[in-house]
PDB file of N, CA and C in Angstrom:
ATOM      1  N   MET A   1     -60.759  19.098  56.318  1.00  0.00           N
ATOM      2  CA  MET A   1     -59.665  19.021  55.387  1.00  0.00           C
ATOM      3  C   MET A   1     -60.068  19.704  54.086  1.00  0.00           C
ATOM      4  N   GLY A   2     -59.097  20.346  53.477  1.00  0.00           N
ATOM      5  CA  GLY A   2     -59.341  21.034  52.219  1.00  0.00           C
ATOM      6  C   GLY A   2     -59.368  20.070  51.048  1.00  0.00           C
ATOM      7  N   LYS A   3     -59.957  20.548  49.987  1.00  0.00           N
ATOM      8  CA  LYS A   3     -60.023  19.719  48.784  1.00  0.00           C
ATOM      9  C   LYS A   3     -58.686  19.768  48.045  1.00  0.00           C
ATOM     10  N   ALA A   4     -58.340  18.660  47.460  1.00  0.00           N
ATOM     11  CA  ALA A   4     -57.108  18.603  46.665  1.00  0.00           C
ATOM     12  C   ALA A   4     -57.363  19.221  45.291  1.00  0.00           C
ATOM     13  N   ASN A   5     -56.377  19.930  44.790  1.00  0.00           N
ATOM     14  CA  ASN A   5     -56.511  20.508  43.455  1.00  0.00           C
ATOM     15  C   ASN A   5     -56.451  19.422  42.396  1.00  0.00           C
ATOM     16  N   LYS A   6     -57.207  19.618  41.348  1.00  0.00           N
ATOM     17  CA  LYS A   6     -57.155  18.684  40.232  1.00  0.00           C
ATOM     18  C   LYS A   6     -55.814  18.860  39.515  1.00  0.00           C
ATOM     19  N   PRO A   7     -55.288  17.800  38.910  1.00  0.00           N
ATOM     20  CA  PRO A   7     -53.988  17.914  38.236  1.00  0.00           C
ATOM     21  C   PRO A   7     -53.980  18.956  37.114  1.00  0.00           C
ATOM     22  N   GLY A   8     -55.093  19.220  36.486  1.00  0.00           N
ATOM     23  CA  GLY A   8     -55.146  20.184  35.403  1.00  0.00           C
ATOM     24  C   GLY A   8     -55.108  21.617  35.880  1.00  0.00           C
ATOM     25  N   ASN A   9     -55.459  21.870  37.136  1.00  0.00           N
ATOM     26  CA  ASN A   9     -55.537  23.245  37.633  1.00  0.00           C
ATOM     27  C   ASN A   9     -54.174  23.849  37.934  1.00  0.00           C
ATOM     28  N   ASN A  10     -53.265  23.077  38.475  1.00  0.00           N
ATOM     29  CA  ASN A  10     -51.988  23.641  38.905  1.00  0.00           C
ATOM     30  C   ASN A  10     -50.814  23.136  38.066  1.00  0.00           C
ATOM     31  N   SER A  11     -51.074  22.835  36.814  1.00  0.00           N
ATOM     32  CA  SER A  11     -49.974  22.350  35.978  1.00  0.00           C
ATOM     33  C   SER A  11     -49.110  23.519  35.515  1.00  0.00           C
ATOM     34  N   LYS A  12     -47.815  23.310  35.545  1.00  0.00           N
ATOM     35  CA  LYS A  12     -46.872  24.322  35.094  1.00  0.00           C
ATOM     36  C   LYS A  12     -46.552  24.055  33.623  1.00  0.00           C
ATOM     37  N   PRO A  13     -46.206  25.091  32.883  1.00  0.00           N
ATOM     38  CA  PRO A  13     -45.837  24.846  31.486  1.00  0.00           C
ATOM     39  C   PRO A  13     -44.559  24.011  31.414  1.00  0.00           C
ATOM     40  N   SER A  14     -44.577  23.017  30.547  1.00  0.00           N
ATOM     41  CA  SER A  14     -43.408  22.147  30.449  1.00  0.00           C
ATOM     42  C   SER A  14     -42.261  22.873  29.761  1.00  0.00           C
ATOM     43  N   VAL A  15     -41.062  22.411  30.047  1.00  0.00           N
ATOM     44  CA  VAL A  15     -39.847  23.039  29.524  1.00  0.00           C
ATOM     45  C   VAL A  15     -39.147  22.019  28.636  1.00  0.00           C
ATOM     46  N   LYS A  16     -38.689  22.477  27.484  1.00  0.00           N
ATOM     47  CA  LYS A  16     -37.971  21.619  26.544  1.00  0.00           C
ATOM     48  C   LYS A  16     -36.516  22.071  26.484  1.00  0.00           C
ATOM     49  N   VAL A  17     -35.600  21.117  26.515  1.00  0.00           N
ATOM     50  CA  VAL A  17     -34.174  21.415  26.436  1.00  0.00           C
ATOM     51  C   VAL A  17     -33.739  21.240  24.989  1.00  0.00           C
ATOM     52  N   SER A  18     -33.058  22.236  24.454  1.00  0.00           N
ATOM     53  CA  SER A  18     -32.602  22.209  23.077  1.00  0.00           C
ATOM     54  C   SER A  18     -31.311  21.400  22.972  1.00  0.00           C
ATOM     55  N   VAL A  19     -31.339  20.369  22.125  1.00  0.00           N
ATOM     56  CA  VAL A  19     -30.172  19.516  21.945  1.00  0.00           C
ATOM     57  C   VAL A  19     -29.053  20.297  21.261  1.00  0.00           C
ATOM     58  N   PHE A  20     -29.392  21.168  20.325  1.00  0.00           N
ATOM     59  CA  PHE A  20     -28.390  21.977  19.634  1.00  0.00           C
ATOM     60  C   PHE A  20     -27.612  22.842  20.614  1.00  0.00           C
ATOM     61  N   HIS A  21     -28.313  23.460  21.564  1.00  0.00           N
ATOM     62  CA  HIS A  21     -27.637  24.326  22.531  1.00  0.00           C
ATOM     63  C   HIS A  21     -26.785  23.518  23.509  1.00  0.00           C
ATOM     64  N   VAL A  22     -27.188  22.296  23.815  1.00  0.00           N
ATOM     65  CA  VAL A  22     -26.351  21.428  24.650  1.00  0.00           C
ATOM     66  C   VAL A  22     -25.044  21.112  23.925  1.00  0.00           C
ATOM     67  N   LEU A  23     -25.129  20.834  22.624  1.00  0.00           N
ATOM     68  CA  LEU A  23     -23.918  20.561  21.847  1.00  0.00           C
ATOM     69  C   LEU A  23     -23.024  21.796  21.746  1.00  0.00           C
ATOM     70  N   VAL A  24     -23.630  22.979  21.624  1.00  0.00           N
ATOM     71  CA  VAL A  24     -22.844  24.210  21.574  1.00  0.00           C
ATOM     72  C   VAL A  24     -22.115  24.426  22.899  1.00  0.00           C
ATOM     73  N   ILE A  25     -22.768  24.129  24.009  1.00  0.00           N
ATOM     74  CA  ILE A  25     -22.137  24.246  25.330  1.00  0.00           C
ATOM     75  C   ILE A  25     -20.967  23.276  25.442  1.00  0.00           C
ATOM     76  N   LEU A  26     -21.141  22.055  24.974  1.00  0.00           N
ATOM     77  CA  LEU A  26     -20.059  21.072  25.042  1.00  0.00           C
ATOM     78  C   LEU A  26     -18.867  21.479  24.176  1.00  0.00           C
ATOM     79  N   ILE A  27     -19.123  22.010  22.994  1.00  0.00           N
ATOM     80  CA  ILE A  27     -18.026  22.445  22.122  1.00  0.00           C
ATOM     81  C   ILE A  27     -17.277  23.615  22.758  1.00  0.00           C
ATOM     82  N   GLY A  28     -18.013  24.575  23.329  1.00  0.00           N
ATOM     83  CA  GLY A  28     -17.376  25.710  23.989  1.00  0.00           C
ATOM     84  C   GLY A  28     -16.539  25.282  25.184  1.00  0.00           C
ATOM     85  N   ALA A  29     -17.063  24.349  25.968  1.00  0.00           N
ATOM     86  CA  ALA A  29     -16.308  23.868  27.132  1.00  0.00           C
ATOM     87  C   ALA A  29     -15.059  23.103  26.701  1.00  0.00           C
ATOM     88  N   ASP A  30     -15.160  22.325  25.619  1.00  0.00           N
ATOM     89  CA  ASP A  30     -13.985  21.610  25.116  1.00  0.00           C
ATOM     90  C   ASP A  30     -12.919  22.570  24.623  1.00  0.00           C
ATOM     91  N   LEU A  31     -13.327  23.610  23.924  1.00  0.00           N
ATOM     92  CA  LEU A  31     -12.341  24.597  23.472  1.00  0.00           C
ATOM     93  C   LEU A  31     -11.599  25.223  24.640  1.00  0.00           C
ATOM     94  N   ILE A  32     -12.342  25.548  25.684  1.00  0.00           N
ATOM     95  CA  ILE A  32     -11.717  26.170  26.849  1.00  0.00           C
ATOM     96  C   ILE A  32     -10.785  25.183  27.553  1.00  0.00           C
ATOM     97  N   LEU A  33     -11.243  23.948  27.749  1.00  0.00           N
ATOM     98  CA  LEU A  33     -10.418  22.960  28.463  1.00  0.00           C
ATOM     99  C   LEU A  33      -9.169  22.565  27.687  1.00  0.00           C
ATOM    100  N   LEU A  34      -9.283  22.505  26.374  1.00  0.00           N
ATOM    101  CA  LEU A  34      -8.137  22.052  25.591  1.00  0.00           C
ATOM    102  C   LEU A  34      -7.134  23.160  25.301  1.00  0.00           C
ATOM    103  N   LEU A  35      -7.608  24.358  24.990  1.00  0.00           N
ATOM    104  CA  LEU A  35      -6.719  25.376  24.445  1.00  0.00           C
ATOM    105  C   LEU A  35      -6.530  26.604  25.326  1.00  0.00           C
ATOM    106  N   ALA A  36      -6.943  26.568  26.572  1.00  0.00           N
ATOM    107  CA  ALA A  36      -6.756  27.727  27.438  1.00  0.00           C
ATOM    108  C   ALA A  36      -5.264  28.001  27.627  1.00  0.00           C
ATOM    109  N   PRO A  37      -4.850  29.257  27.509  1.00  0.00           N
ATOM    110  CA  PRO A  37      -3.425  29.569  27.653  1.00  0.00           C
ATOM    111  C   PRO A  37      -2.911  29.224  29.054  1.00  0.00           C
ATOM    112  N   ASP A  38      -1.793  28.520  29.120  1.00  0.00           N
ATOM    113  CA  ASP A  38      -1.095  28.127  30.348  1.00  0.00           C
ATOM    114  C   ASP A  38      -1.825  27.087  31.190  1.00  0.00           C
ATOM    115  N   PHE A  39      -3.089  26.758  30.892  1.00  0.00           N
ATOM    116  CA  PHE A  39      -3.820  25.789  31.709  1.00  0.00           C
ATOM    117  C   PHE A  39      -4.484  24.690  30.897  1.00  0.00           C
ATOM    118  N   GLY A  40      -4.581  24.850  29.598  1.00  0.00           N
ATOM    119  CA  GLY A  40      -5.283  23.882  28.766  1.00  0.00           C
ATOM    120  C   GLY A  40      -4.554  22.551  28.680  1.00  0.00           C
ATOM    121  N   ILE A  41      -5.302  21.499  28.414  1.00  0.00           N
ATOM    122  CA  ILE A  41      -4.726  20.155  28.355  1.00  0.00           C
ATOM    123  C   ILE A  41      -3.765  20.033  27.177  1.00  0.00           C
ATOM    124  N   LEU A  42      -4.186  20.473  26.003  1.00  0.00           N
ATOM    125  CA  LEU A  42      -3.282  20.410  24.857  1.00  0.00           C
ATOM    126  C   LEU A  42      -2.125  21.384  24.995  1.00  0.00           C
ATOM    127  N   ASN A  43      -2.366  22.491  25.660  1.00  0.00           N
ATOM    128  CA  ASN A  43      -1.316  23.480  25.853  1.00  0.00           C
ATOM    129  C   ASN A  43      -0.236  22.973  26.807  1.00  0.00           C
ATOM    130  N   SER A  44      -0.591  22.064  27.708  1.00  0.00           N
ATOM    131  CA  SER A  44       0.421  21.526  28.612  1.00  0.00           C
ATOM    132  C   SER A  44       1.232  20.419  27.943  1.00  0.00           C
ATOM    133  N   ILE A  45       0.651  19.726  26.963  1.00  0.00           N
ATOM    134  CA  ILE A  45       1.360  18.651  26.271  1.00  0.00           C
ATOM    135  C   ILE A  45       2.185  19.204  25.112  1.00  0.00           C
ATOM    136  N   LEU A  46       1.551  20.045  24.302  1.00  0.00           N
ATOM    137  CA  LEU A  46       2.198  20.617  23.125  1.00  0.00           C
ATOM    138  C   LEU A  46       2.364  22.115  23.323  1.00  0.00           C
ATOM    139  N   TYR A  47       3.252  22.691  22.577  1.00  0.00           N
ATOM    140  CA  TYR A  47       3.368  24.143  22.611  1.00  0.00           C
ATOM    141  C   TYR A  47       2.440  24.723  21.550  1.00  0.00           C
ATOM    142  N   ILE A  48       1.410  25.417  21.995  1.00  0.00           N
ATOM    143  CA  ILE A  48       0.478  26.092  21.095  1.00  0.00           C
ATOM    144  C   ILE A  48       0.642  27.591  21.333  1.00  0.00           C
ATOM    145  N   PRO A  49       0.983  28.349  20.294  1.00  0.00           N
ATOM    146  CA  PRO A  49       1.228  29.782  20.497  1.00  0.00           C
ATOM    147  C   PRO A  49      -0.016  30.529  20.952  1.00  0.00           C
ATOM    148  N   SER A  50       0.213  31.660  21.575  1.00  0.00           N
ATOM    149  CA  SER A  50      -0.892  32.482  22.072  1.00  0.00           C
ATOM    150  C   SER A  50      -1.753  33.024  20.941  1.00  0.00           C
ATOM    151  N   LEU A  51      -1.216  33.031  19.750  1.00  0.00           N
ATOM    152  CA  LEU A  51      -1.973  33.476  18.586  1.00  0.00           C
ATOM    153  C   LEU A  51      -3.206  32.601  18.366  1.00  0.00           C
ATOM    154  N   TYR A  52      -3.133  31.320  18.752  1.00  0.00           N
ATOM    155  CA  TYR A  52      -4.254  30.405  18.589  1.00  0.00           C
ATOM    156  C   TYR A  52      -5.025  30.160  19.885  1.00  0.00           C
ATOM    157  N   SER A  53      -4.357  30.230  21.015  1.00  0.00           N
ATOM    158  CA  SER A  53      -5.018  29.852  22.262  1.00  0.00           C
ATOM    159  C   SER A  53      -5.958  30.940  22.782  1.00  0.00           C
ATOM    160  N   TRP A  54      -5.585  32.215  22.676  1.00  0.00           N
ATOM    161  CA  TRP A  54      -6.478  33.275  23.166  1.00  0.00           C
ATOM    162  C   TRP A  54      -7.760  33.391  22.345  1.00  0.00           C
ATOM    163  N   PRO A  55      -7.706  33.360  21.012  1.00  0.00           N
ATOM    164  CA  PRO A  55      -8.976  33.373  20.265  1.00  0.00           C
ATOM    165  C   PRO A  55      -9.838  32.142  20.528  1.00  0.00           C
ATOM    166  N   ALA A  56      -9.214  30.988  20.764  1.00  0.00           N
ATOM    167  CA  ALA A  56      -9.985  29.789  21.087  1.00  0.00           C
ATOM    168  C   ALA A  56     -10.673  29.943  22.440  1.00  0.00           C
ATOM    169  N   LEU A  57      -9.997  30.560  23.396  1.00  0.00           N
ATOM    170  CA  LEU A  57     -10.597  30.797  24.708  1.00  0.00           C
ATOM    171  C   LEU A  57     -11.778  31.762  24.597  1.00  0.00           C
ATOM    172  N   ILE A  58     -11.605  32.825  23.853  1.00  0.00           N
ATOM    173  CA  ILE A  58     -12.691  33.804  23.679  1.00  0.00           C
ATOM    174  C   ILE A  58     -13.845  33.175  22.911  1.00  0.00           C
ATOM    175  N   GLY A  59     -13.541  32.398  21.881  1.00  0.00           N
ATOM    176  CA  GLY A  59     -14.591  31.710  21.129  1.00  0.00           C
ATOM    177  C   GLY A  59     -15.343  30.708  21.989  1.00  0.00           C
ATOM    178  N   GLY A  60     -14.629  29.993  22.856  1.00  0.00           N
ATOM    179  CA  GLY A  60     -15.287  29.055  23.765  1.00  0.00           C
ATOM    180  C   GLY A  60     -16.214  29.747  24.742  1.00  0.00           C
ATOM    181  N   LEU A  61     -15.784  30.904  25.247  1.00  0.00           N
ATOM    182  CA  LEU A  61     -16.658  31.662  26.156  1.00  0.00           C
ATOM    183  C   LEU A  61     -17.898  32.179  25.437  1.00  0.00           C
ATOM    184  N   ILE A  62     -17.727  32.627  24.194  1.00  0.00           N
ATOM    185  CA  ILE A  62     -18.883  33.092  23.417  1.00  0.00           C
ATOM    186  C   ILE A  62     -19.849  31.945  23.153  1.00  0.00           C
ATOM    187  N   LEU A  63     -19.315  30.769  22.824  1.00  0.00           N
ATOM    188  CA  LEU A  63     -20.179  29.610  22.605  1.00  0.00           C
ATOM    189  C   LEU A  63     -20.911  29.199  23.883  1.00  0.00           C
ATOM    190  N   LEU A  64     -20.253  29.292  25.024  1.00  0.00           N
ATOM    191  CA  LEU A  64     -20.921  28.971  26.290  1.00  0.00           C
ATOM    192  C   LEU A  64     -22.067  29.930  26.579  1.00  0.00           C
ATOM    193  N   VAL A  65     -21.833  31.212  26.375  1.00  0.00           N
ATOM    194  CA  VAL A  65     -22.885  32.202  26.628  1.00  0.00           C
ATOM    195  C   VAL A  65     -24.050  31.983  25.669  1.00  0.00           C
ATOM    196  N   TYR A  66     -23.747  31.745  24.399  1.00  0.00           N
ATOM    197  CA  TYR A  66     -24.810  31.511  23.413  1.00  0.00           C
ATOM    198  C   TYR A  66     -25.582  30.231  23.740  1.00  0.00           C
ATOM    199  N   GLY A  67     -24.880  29.187  24.156  1.00  0.00           N
ATOM    200  CA  GLY A  67     -25.538  27.924  24.468  1.00  0.00           C
ATOM    201  C   GLY A  67     -26.445  28.016  25.682  1.00  0.00           C
ATOM    202  N   PHE A  68     -25.978  28.672  26.733  1.00  0.00           N
ATOM    203  CA  PHE A  68     -26.806  28.799  27.929  1.00  0.00           C
ATOM    204  C   PHE A  68     -27.958  29.775  27.726  1.00  0.00           C
ATOM    205  N   ASN A  69     -27.806  30.706  26.786  1.00  0.00           N
ATOM    206  CA  ASN A  69     -28.854  31.689  26.533  1.00  0.00           C
ATOM    207  C   ASN A  69     -30.114  31.023  25.973  1.00  0.00           C
ATOM    208  N   GLY A  70     -29.999  30.059  25.089  1.00  0.00           N
ATOM    209  CA  GLY A  70     -31.165  29.450  24.471  1.00  0.00           C
ATOM    210  C   GLY A  70     -31.369  28.008  24.851  1.00  0.00           C
ATOM    211  N   LEU A  71     -30.907  27.606  26.014  1.00  0.00           N
ATOM    212  CA  LEU A  71     -30.961  26.192  26.398  1.00  0.00           C
ATOM    213  C   LEU A  71     -32.381  25.716  26.662  1.00  0.00           C
ATOM    214  N   TYR A  72     -33.158  26.478  27.398  1.00  0.00           N
ATOM    215  CA  TYR A  72     -34.509  26.060  27.772  1.00  0.00           C
ATOM    216  C   TYR A  72     -35.543  26.786  26.942  1.00  0.00           C
ATOM    217  N   LYS A  73     -36.553  26.041  26.496  1.00  0.00           N
ATOM    218  CA  LYS A  73     -37.657  26.626  25.742  1.00  0.00           C
ATOM    219  C   LYS A  73     -38.962  26.218  26.407  1.00  0.00           C
ATOM    220  N   LYS A  74     -39.862  27.165  26.561  1.00  0.00           N
ATOM    221  CA  LYS A  74     -41.178  26.845  27.115  1.00  0.00           C
ATOM    222  C   LYS A  74     -42.091  26.371  25.999  1.00  0.00           C
ATOM    223  N   LEU A  75     -42.880  25.364  26.301  1.00  0.00           N
ATOM    224  CA  LEU A  75     -43.823  24.849  25.302  1.00  0.00           C
ATOM    225  C   LEU A  75     -45.163  25.509  25.413  1.00  0.00           C
TER     226      LEU A  75
END
């Protein structure tokens, strides 16, 4: 039988999740869910003009991309 590796030999670098980026992802997802044109929750209850809903959708997508870009950090 082969020898078992010591725990220090095969350790992987730990990963830290950024709380700020998690919050940015949640804000972006909320913007998309609430204000998406023709499908958003607030858009189905209230009439929100496209002047506000399309920029909110684009802003939510930008926030999602930014949040997922810096979510994990190596220590």
